């Protein structure tokens, strides 16, 4: 029987604001089946303002972006952690000064799927635009029973947006004692108190260079219909 011994990243309260000088939504996606599905994708280059004193070494935006300082990124690389890429972040202070040396952390693939073992069911998949909606998570410990392939140090488990990490990554992060960041066993995480359903968007969970590879690996999940 599979037992993954997963942990989850949790963060202090976000102190980020979207920089209104830049558009939040781009790439409007029309759906001819339902006007409720019409939406714009979040700007693929996030622009944020840090609304506080000196930014933490690692923190999460209100929309789920993970930002790390250069020193943390170098520590992750030196520890040979897997499953992520990093790109320079667009981050400024509330006064407008650039916060140099920060990067956005992004995951490279989906490692597994939370389904019946977690009590999650697919409620809707639009045959036109591909929009999906899932029921809430009922059995959080079922996440440790999922077959994960590949098993990385930083992982995405569809349809959850949370950042799952290996025991090795937990030891690296705990040793570094990063302010504003906590590692928890999944059974003790805030995820266990999440009673809402999920409406994930692949582009928000996986780094852009790996999107097409992910779609081709799981065509039955991410194939969209014809909205013409």
Protein backbone atom coordinates (compact mmCIF):
# COMPACT_ATOMS: atom_id res chain seq x y z
CA UNK A 1 0.00 0.00 0.00
CA UNK A 2 1.26 3.45 -0.90
CA UNK A 3 2.08 5.82 1.94
CA UNK A 4 3.57 9.11 0.84
CA UNK A 5 4.14 10.84 4.20
CA UNK A 6 3.30 14.19 2.63
CA UNK A 7 3.64 17.60 4.20
CA UNK A 8 2.18 20.92 3.16
CA UNK A 9 3.52 24.46 2.99
CA UNK A 10 1.58 27.04 4.98
CA UNK A 11 2.28 30.74 5.19
CA UNK A 12 1.75 33.71 7.46
CA UNK A 13 -0.96 36.17 6.43
CA UNK A 14 -0.28 37.62 3.00
CA UNK A 15 0.88 41.24 2.84
CA UNK A 16 0.75 41.59 -0.93
CA UNK A 17 -1.42 43.80 -3.12
CA UNK A 18 -1.85 43.62 -6.88
CA UNK A 19 -0.06 46.50 -8.64
CA UNK A 20 -2.90 48.33 -10.40
CA UNK A 21 -0.52 49.74 -13.00
CA UNK A 22 -0.71 46.34 -14.70
CA UNK A 23 -3.77 44.38 -15.96
CA UNK A 24 -4.93 41.61 -13.63
CA UNK A 25 -6.79 39.56 -16.25
CA UNK A 26 -5.67 38.86 -19.81
CA UNK A 27 -6.64 36.44 -22.57
CA UNK A 28 -10.45 36.49 -22.34
CA UNK A 29 -11.83 32.96 -22.80
CA UNK A 30 -15.33 32.92 -24.34
CA UNK A 31 -17.54 29.87 -23.82
CA UNK A 32 -20.53 29.40 -26.14
CA UNK A 33 -22.14 26.89 -23.79
CA UNK A 34 -22.40 29.07 -20.69
CA UNK A 35 -21.80 32.78 -20.15
CA UNK A 36 -20.91 31.92 -16.53
CA UNK A 37 -17.78 30.24 -17.88
CA UNK A 38 -16.52 33.34 -19.68
CA UNK A 39 -13.37 34.52 -17.90
CA UNK A 40 -10.01 36.10 -18.34
CA UNK A 41 -6.87 34.31 -17.21
CA UNK A 42 -4.77 35.93 -14.53
CA UNK A 43 -1.82 37.86 -15.94
CA UNK A 44 0.94 35.27 -16.42
CA UNK A 45 3.47 37.83 -15.19
CA UNK A 46 2.22 38.75 -11.71
CA UNK A 47 2.97 42.27 -10.45
CA UNK A 48 2.67 42.70 -6.69
CA UNK A 49 3.25 45.32 -4.02
CA UNK A 50 4.59 44.28 -0.63
CA UNK A 51 2.38 46.08 1.89
CA UNK A 52 4.58 45.97 4.97
CA UNK A 53 8.12 46.30 6.19
CA UNK A 54 10.96 44.31 4.64
CA UNK A 55 9.49 41.32 2.73
CA UNK A 56 9.81 37.84 4.21
CA UNK A 57 12.38 35.48 2.69
CA UNK A 58 9.47 33.45 1.31
CA UNK A 59 5.78 34.36 1.15
CA UNK A 60 2.52 33.68 -0.64
CA UNK A 61 0.33 36.19 -2.48
CA UNK A 62 -3.42 36.45 -2.02
CA UNK A 63 -3.78 34.58 -5.31
CA UNK A 64 -1.44 31.69 -4.52
CA UNK A 65 1.86 32.84 -6.04
CA UNK A 66 4.93 31.76 -4.07
CA UNK A 67 7.81 34.26 -3.88
CA UNK A 68 11.27 33.46 -2.54
CA UNK A 69 14.37 35.53 -1.97
CA UNK A 70 17.57 34.72 -3.81
CA UNK A 71 19.18 33.30 -0.66
CA UNK A 72 16.30 30.82 -0.19
CA UNK A 73 16.39 29.86 -3.86
CA UNK A 74 20.13 29.17 -3.68
CA UNK A 75 19.53 27.06 -0.58
CA UNK A 76 16.90 24.99 -2.42
CA UNK A 77 19.25 24.49 -5.35
CA UNK A 78 22.17 23.55 -3.09
CA UNK A 79 19.93 21.01 -1.35
CA UNK A 80 19.03 19.57 -4.80
CA UNK A 81 15.28 19.83 -4.23
CA UNK A 82 13.18 18.85 -7.24
CA UNK A 83 9.85 19.69 -8.84
CA UNK A 84 10.14 23.48 -9.22
CA UNK A 85 11.47 26.24 -11.43
CA UNK A 86 11.94 29.92 -10.60
CA UNK A 87 11.58 33.16 -12.56
CA UNK A 88 12.35 36.75 -11.52
CA UNK A 89 9.42 38.32 -9.67
CA UNK A 90 7.85 41.73 -10.28
CA UNK A 91 7.68 43.03 -6.72
CA UNK A 92 7.78 46.57 -5.36
CA UNK A 93 7.36 48.23 -1.97
CA UNK A 94 4.30 50.33 -1.14
CA UNK A 95 6.46 53.41 -1.91
CA UNK A 96 7.20 52.08 -5.40
CA UNK A 97 10.80 50.89 -4.92
CA UNK A 98 11.76 47.59 -6.56
CA UNK A 99 12.35 44.58 -4.31
CA UNK A 100 15.29 43.06 -6.11
CA UNK A 101 16.42 39.48 -5.68
CA UNK A 102 12.99 37.84 -5.46
CA UNK A 103 11.71 34.99 -7.59
CA UNK A 104 8.39 33.31 -8.21
CA UNK A 105 8.47 29.60 -7.42
CA UNK A 106 6.48 27.41 -9.82
CA UNK A 107 5.87 23.68 -10.00
CA UNK A 108 6.78 21.64 -13.07
CA UNK A 109 4.14 18.90 -13.23
CA UNK A 110 1.15 17.23 -11.67
CA UNK A 111 2.30 14.30 -9.57
CA UNK A 112 -1.08 12.77 -8.70
CA UNK A 113 -4.83 13.08 -8.60
CA UNK A 114 -7.03 13.30 -5.51
CA UNK A 115 -10.18 11.30 -6.15
CA UNK A 116 -12.31 8.69 -4.41
CA UNK A 117 -9.75 7.99 -1.67
CA UNK A 118 -10.12 11.65 -0.67
CA UNK A 119 -13.87 11.85 -1.25
CA UNK A 120 -13.41 14.26 -4.16
CA UNK A 121 -15.74 13.95 -7.14
CA UNK A 122 -15.83 15.68 -10.52
CA UNK A 123 -19.07 17.71 -10.55
CA UNK A 124 -18.76 19.40 -13.92
CA UNK A 125 -16.51 19.50 -16.95
CA UNK A 126 -17.57 21.84 -19.71
CA UNK A 127 -17.37 20.13 -23.11
CA UNK A 128 -16.81 23.53 -24.69
CA UNK A 129 -14.18 25.48 -22.71
CA UNK A 130 -12.90 22.71 -20.42
CA UNK A 131 -13.86 24.44 -17.14
CA UNK A 132 -13.96 21.94 -14.28
CA UNK A 133 -15.52 21.88 -10.83
CA UNK A 134 -14.86 19.34 -8.09
CA UNK A 135 -16.50 18.58 -4.74
CA UNK A 136 -14.78 19.28 -1.43
CA UNK A 137 -12.06 17.21 0.21
CA UNK A 138 -13.58 14.79 2.76
CA UNK A 139 -10.75 12.41 3.70
CA UNK A 140 -7.51 14.34 4.01
CA UNK A 141 -5.38 11.31 4.96
CA UNK A 142 -6.35 9.78 1.62
CA UNK A 143 -3.74 12.10 0.08
CA UNK A 144 -1.05 9.84 1.51
CA UNK A 145 -2.51 6.87 -0.40
CA UNK A 146 -2.36 8.41 -3.88
CA UNK A 147 0.08 7.02 -6.43
CA UNK A 148 2.49 9.88 -7.11
CA UNK A 149 4.45 9.89 -10.35
CA UNK A 150 6.79 11.63 -10.44
CA UNK A 151 7.50 11.93 -6.72
CA UNK A 152 9.18 15.33 -6.36
CA UNK A 153 10.14 17.44 -3.36
CA UNK A 154 7.59 20.07 -4.44
CA UNK A 155 4.37 18.58 -5.83
CA UNK A 156 0.98 19.48 -7.23
CA UNK A 157 -1.91 17.10 -6.59
CA UNK A 158 -4.87 17.87 -8.85
CA UNK A 159 -7.33 19.52 -8.21
CA UNK A 160 -5.82 21.05 -5.05
CA UNK A 161 -3.87 24.31 -5.26
CA UNK A 162 -1.85 23.59 -2.09
CA UNK A 163 1.90 23.03 -2.23
CA UNK A 164 2.70 19.48 -1.11
CA UNK A 165 6.27 18.63 -0.16
CA UNK A 166 8.33 15.56 0.62
CA UNK A 167 9.82 14.73 3.99
CA UNK A 168 13.21 15.65 2.56
CA UNK A 169 11.97 19.13 1.58
CA UNK A 170 10.43 19.56 5.03
CA UNK A 171 13.79 18.86 6.69
CA UNK A 172 15.55 21.35 4.41
CA UNK A 173 12.97 24.08 5.08
CA UNK A 174 12.77 23.45 8.84
CA UNK A 175 16.57 23.57 9.13
CA UNK A 176 16.63 26.94 7.39
CA UNK A 177 13.98 28.37 9.80
CA UNK A 178 12.33 30.67 7.30
CA UNK A 179 10.16 33.40 8.83
CA UNK A 180 6.55 33.34 7.71
CA UNK A 181 6.66 29.74 6.47
CA UNK A 182 5.45 26.60 8.22
CA UNK A 183 5.55 22.92 7.28
CA UNK A 184 2.75 20.72 8.55
CA UNK A 185 1.69 17.09 8.17
CA UNK A 186 -1.35 17.20 5.93
CA UNK A 187 -3.61 15.90 8.73
CA UNK A 188 -2.80 19.00 10.82
CA UNK A 189 -2.86 21.53 8.01
CA UNK A 190 -5.41 24.22 7.24
CA UNK A 191 -6.44 22.09 4.28
CA UNK A 192 -8.33 19.84 6.69
CA UNK A 193 -10.64 22.80 7.42
CA UNK A 194 -11.29 23.59 3.74
CA UNK A 195 -14.95 22.76 3.11
CA UNK A 196 -15.39 24.40 -0.28
CA UNK A 197 -15.13 22.70 -3.63
CA UNK A 198 -12.39 23.27 -6.21
CA UNK A 199 -12.38 24.95 -9.60
CA UNK A 200 -8.71 24.68 -10.58
CA UNK A 201 -7.08 26.28 -13.61
CA UNK A 202 -4.04 24.41 -14.89
CA UNK A 203 -2.22 27.61 -15.88
CA UNK A 204 -2.24 28.76 -12.25
CA UNK A 205 -0.72 25.55 -10.89
CA UNK A 206 2.00 24.57 -13.37
CA UNK A 207 4.82 26.65 -14.88
CA UNK A 208 4.11 27.78 -18.44
CA UNK A 209 6.99 25.84 -20.13
CA UNK A 210 5.49 22.58 -18.81
CA UNK A 211 1.80 23.18 -19.61
CA UNK A 212 1.64 21.47 -22.99
CA UNK A 213 3.62 18.48 -21.71
CA UNK A 214 1.13 18.13 -18.84
CA UNK A 215 -1.87 18.37 -21.17
CA UNK A 216 -0.45 15.68 -23.43
CA UNK A 217 0.34 13.39 -20.49
CA UNK A 218 -3.26 13.58 -19.19
CA UNK A 219 -5.46 14.27 -22.26
CA UNK A 220 -8.56 12.75 -20.67
CA UNK A 221 -8.43 15.42 -17.94
CA UNK A 222 -7.23 18.52 -19.78
CA UNK A 223 -8.64 18.09 -23.28
CA UNK A 224 -10.99 20.97 -24.09
CA UNK A 225 -13.87 21.01 -26.53
CA UNK A 226 -14.69 23.22 -29.47
CA UNK A 227 -16.18 26.59 -28.57
CA UNK A 228 -16.56 27.81 -32.13
